[in-house]
C-alpha atoms as a PDB file:
ATOM      1  CA  UNK A   1     -17.877  21.923   3.212  1.00  0.00           C
ATOM      2  CA  UNK A   2     -16.643  18.657   3.165  1.00  0.00           C
ATOM      3  CA  UNK A   3     -13.101  17.552   4.037  1.00  0.00           C
ATOM      4  CA  UNK A   4     -11.017  15.029   1.805  1.00  0.00           C
ATOM      5  CA  UNK A   5      -7.625  14.336   0.838  1.00  0.00           C
ATOM      6  CA  UNK A   6      -6.359  15.165  -2.444  1.00  0.00           C
ATOM      7  CA  UNK A   7      -6.564  11.604  -3.791  1.00  0.00           C
ATOM      8  CA  UNK A   8      -8.703   9.930  -6.428  1.00  0.00           C
ATOM      9  CA  UNK A   9      -9.214   6.627  -4.253  1.00  0.00           C
ATOM     10  CA  UNK A  10     -12.515   5.102  -4.138  1.00  0.00           C
ATOM     11  CA  UNK A  11     -12.765   5.065  -0.739  1.00  0.00           C
ATOM     12  CA  UNK A  12     -13.312   9.052  -0.595  1.00  0.00           C
ATOM     13  CA  UNK A  13     -16.161   8.429  -1.973  1.00  0.00           C
ATOM     14  CA  UNK A  14     -17.545   6.745   0.913  1.00  0.00           C
ATOM     15  CA  UNK A  15     -15.778   9.524   3.836  1.00  0.00           C
ATOM     16  CA  UNK A  16     -14.568  12.488   4.680  1.00  0.00           C
ATOM     17  CA  UNK A  17     -12.492  13.598   7.415  1.00  0.00           C
ATOM     18  CA  UNK A  18     -13.259  14.884  10.230  1.00  0.00           C
ATOM     19  CA  UNK A  19     -10.874  17.148  11.385  1.00  0.00           C
ATOM     20  CA  UNK A  20      -8.429  18.970   8.886  1.00  0.00           C
ATOM     21  CA  UNK A  21      -5.086  18.905  11.749  1.00  0.00           C
ATOM     22  CA  UNK A  22      -6.183  14.702  12.218  1.00  0.00           C
ATOM     23  CA  UNK A  23      -5.634  13.328   8.419  1.00  0.00           C
ATOM     24  CA  UNK A  24      -6.359   9.872   9.687  1.00  0.00           C
ATOM     25  CA  UNK A  25      -9.989   9.953  11.463  1.00  0.00           C
ATOM     26  CA  UNK A  26     -12.508   9.793   8.639  1.00  0.00           C
ATOM     27  CA  UNK A  27     -16.215   9.598   8.932  1.00  0.00           C
ATOM     28  CA  UNK A  28     -17.999   7.047   6.820  1.00  0.00           C
ATOM     29  CA  UNK A  29     -20.655   9.173   4.630  1.00  0.00           C
ATOM     30  CA  UNK A  30     -23.608   6.500   5.015  1.00  0.00           C
ATOM     31  CA  UNK A  31     -23.582   5.682   8.455  1.00  0.00           C
ATOM     32  CA  UNK A  32     -21.165   7.828  10.286  1.00  0.00           C
ATOM     33  CA  UNK A  33     -18.899   5.227  11.468  1.00  0.00           C
ATOM     34  CA  UNK A  34     -15.850   7.388  12.302  1.00  0.00           C
ATOM     35  CA  UNK A  35     -12.278   5.030  11.240  1.00  0.00           C
ATOM     36  CA  UNK A  36      -8.718   5.861  12.091  1.00  0.00           C
ATOM     37  CA  UNK A  37      -5.823   5.168  10.823  1.00  0.00           C
ATOM     38  CA  UNK A  38      -6.368   5.620   6.655  1.00  0.00           C
ATOM     39  CA  UNK A  39      -8.475   5.387   3.755  1.00  0.00           C
ATOM     40  CA  UNK A  40      -7.757   1.413   3.673  1.00  0.00           C
ATOM     41  CA  UNK A  41      -9.440   0.701   6.870  1.00  0.00           C
ATOM     42  CA  UNK A  42     -12.907   2.831   5.334  1.00  0.00           C
ATOM     43  CA  UNK A  43     -12.908   0.328   2.720  1.00  0.00           C
ATOM     44  CA  UNK A  44     -12.336  -2.803   5.278  1.00  0.00           C
ATOM     45  CA  UNK A  45     -15.605  -1.152   6.929  1.00  0.00           C
ATOM     46  CA  UNK A  46     -17.788  -0.068   3.393  1.00  0.00           C
ATOM     47  CA  UNK A  47     -16.764  -3.618   2.262  1.00  0.00           C
ATOM     48  CA  UNK A  48     -17.837  -4.982   5.509  1.00  0.00           C
ATOM     49  CA  UNK A  49     -14.665  -7.155   6.155  1.00  0.00           C
ATOM     50  CA  UNK A  50     -14.232  -8.002   9.447  1.00  0.00           C
ATOM     51  CA  UNK A  51     -11.573  -7.604  11.802  1.00  0.00           C
ATOM     52  CA  UNK A  52      -9.936  -4.473  11.574  1.00  0.00           C
ATOM     53  CA  UNK A  53     -13.399  -2.411  11.528  1.00  0.00           C
ATOM     54  CA  UNK A  54     -16.931  -2.618  12.338  1.00  0.00           C
ATOM     55  CA  UNK A  55     -18.681  -3.424   9.178  1.00  0.00           C
ATOM     56  CA  UNK A  56     -21.094  -0.854   7.771  1.00  0.00           C
ATOM     57  CA  UNK A  57     -24.727  -1.707   8.215  1.00  0.00           C
ATOM     58  CA  UNK A  58     -25.915   0.728   5.403  1.00  0.00           C
ATOM     59  CA  UNK A  59     -23.445  -0.155   2.396  1.00  0.00           C
ATOM     60  CA  UNK A  60     -25.455  -1.760  -0.457  1.00  0.00           C
ATOM     61  CA  UNK A  61     -23.922  -4.395  -2.776  1.00  0.00           C
ATOM     62  CA  UNK A  62     -22.723  -2.536  -5.187  1.00  0.00           C
ATOM     63  CA  UNK A  63     -20.696  -0.433  -2.400  1.00  0.00           C
ATOM     64  CA  UNK A  64     -19.496  -3.799  -1.007  1.00  0.00           C
ATOM     65  CA  UNK A  65     -18.314  -4.912  -4.876  1.00  0.00           C
ATOM     66  CA  UNK A  66     -16.465  -1.725  -5.214  1.00  0.00           C
ATOM     67  CA  UNK A  67     -14.322  -1.369  -2.061  1.00  0.00           C
ATOM     68  CA  UNK A  68     -13.508  -5.046  -2.209  1.00  0.00           C
ATOM     69  CA  UNK A  69     -12.638  -4.947  -5.831  1.00  0.00           C
ATOM     70  CA  UNK A  70     -10.378  -1.800  -4.912  1.00  0.00           C
ATOM     71  CA  UNK A  71      -8.340  -3.599  -1.877  1.00  0.00           C
ATOM     72  CA  UNK A  72      -7.511  -6.776  -4.287  1.00  0.00           C
ATOM     73  CA  UNK A  73      -6.500  -4.762  -7.225  1.00  0.00           C
ATOM     74  CA  UNK A  74      -4.129  -2.667  -4.183  1.00  0.00           C
ATOM     75  CA  UNK A  75      -2.901  -6.215  -3.076  1.00  0.00           C
ATOM     76  CA  UNK A  76      -2.398  -7.262  -6.550  1.00  0.00           C
ATOM     77  CA  UNK A  77       0.053  -4.456  -8.123  1.00  0.00           C
ATOM     78  CA  UNK A  78       1.418  -4.847  -4.177  1.00  0.00           C
ATOM     79  CA  UNK A  79       2.741  -7.998  -4.864  1.00  0.00           C
ATOM     80  CA  UNK A  80       3.595  -7.631  -8.538  1.00  0.00           C
ATOM     81  CA  UNK A  81       5.410  -4.503  -7.222  1.00  0.00           C
ATOM     82  CA  UNK A  82       7.282  -6.746  -4.770  1.00  0.00           C
ATOM     83  CA  UNK A  83       8.239  -9.989  -7.146  1.00  0.00           C
ATOM     84  CA  UNK A  84       9.150  -6.843  -9.891  1.00  0.00           C
ATOM     85  CA  UNK A  85      11.654  -5.323  -6.827  1.00  0.00           C
ATOM     86  CA  UNK A  86      12.491  -9.140  -6.555  1.00  0.00           C
ATOM     87  CA  UNK A  87      13.770  -9.891  -9.826  1.00  0.00           C
ATOM     88  CA  UNK A  88      15.856  -6.793  -9.963  1.00  0.00           C
ATOM     89  CA  UNK A  89      17.536  -7.958  -6.294  1.00  0.00           C
ATOM     90  CA  UNK A  90      18.358 -11.427  -8.120  1.00  0.00           C
ATOM     91  CA  UNK A  91      19.732 -10.274 -11.229  1.00  0.00           C
ATOM     92  CA  UNK A  92      22.102  -7.892  -9.602  1.00  0.00           C
ATOM     93  CA  UNK A  93      25.376  -9.831 -10.025  1.00  0.00           C
ATOM     94  CA  UNK A  94      28.599  -8.373  -8.798  1.00  0.00           C
ATOM     95  CA  UNK A  95      31.109  -9.656 -10.998  1.00  0.00           C
ATOM     96  CA  UNK A  96      34.058 -11.112  -9.144  1.00  0.00           C
ATOM     97  CA  UNK A  97      32.028 -11.526  -6.206  1.00  0.00           C
ATOM     98  CA  UNK A  98      32.086 -15.011  -5.596  1.00  0.00           C
ATOM     99  CA  UNK A  99      35.949 -15.181  -5.677  1.00  0.00           C
ATOM    100  CA  UNK A 100      36.204 -12.745  -3.401  1.00  0.00           C
ATOM    101  CA  UNK A 101      36.605 -13.478   0.523  1.00  0.00           C
ATOM    102  CA  UNK A 102      33.687 -12.950   3.122  1.00  0.00           C
ATOM    103  CA  UNK A 103      36.054  -9.321   3.960  1.00  0.00           C
ATOM    104  CA  UNK A 104      35.849  -7.900   0.833  1.00  0.00           C
ATOM    105  CA  UNK A 105      33.521  -4.863   0.853  1.00  0.00           C
ATOM    106  CA  UNK A 106      31.273  -4.612  -2.368  1.00  0.00           C
ATOM    107  CA  UNK A 107      33.616  -1.002  -3.136  1.00  0.00           C
ATOM    108  CA  UNK A 108      36.557  -3.421  -3.317  1.00  0.00           C
ATOM    109  CA  UNK A 109      35.003  -5.574  -5.695  1.00  0.00           C
ATOM    110  CA  UNK A 110      33.710  -2.678  -7.640  1.00  0.00           C
ATOM    111  CA  UNK A 111      36.996  -1.334  -7.942  1.00  0.00           C
ATOM    112  CA  UNK A 112      38.688  -4.394  -8.881  1.00  0.00           C
ATOM    113  CA  UNK A 113      36.026  -5.291 -11.811  1.00  0.00           C
ATOM    114  CA  UNK A 114      36.935  -1.882 -13.156  1.00  0.00           C
ATOM    115  CA  UNK A 115      40.377  -2.166 -13.191  1.00  0.00           C
ATOM    116  CA  UNK A 116      40.043  -5.217 -15.224  1.00  0.00           C
ATOM    117  CA  UNK A 117      38.089  -3.627 -18.270  1.00  0.00           C
END
């Protein structure tokens, strides 16, 4: 029986869990190399991206491109989420906060703005 996490990540096409009690140890289906610390590192292994893991000697060019694309898409999604969160943070404006002195808390500003409404 092949063990894998309940995920639709492309990385699980290339790896299986070694031990159901250790969810961070994944074995490459292509070469048998064991990779620790999440499916991301297995995708690095398959994509032959050096640095964190040893490159897979048996991954095809197609396998390599699939994993590289998944890694790049994930990075783009993460940057987009961060930018969106930053926009929300920048848009938050405590009314009257510029008039408040440094010792005024956000709760005090909130109460003062509610009393003027």
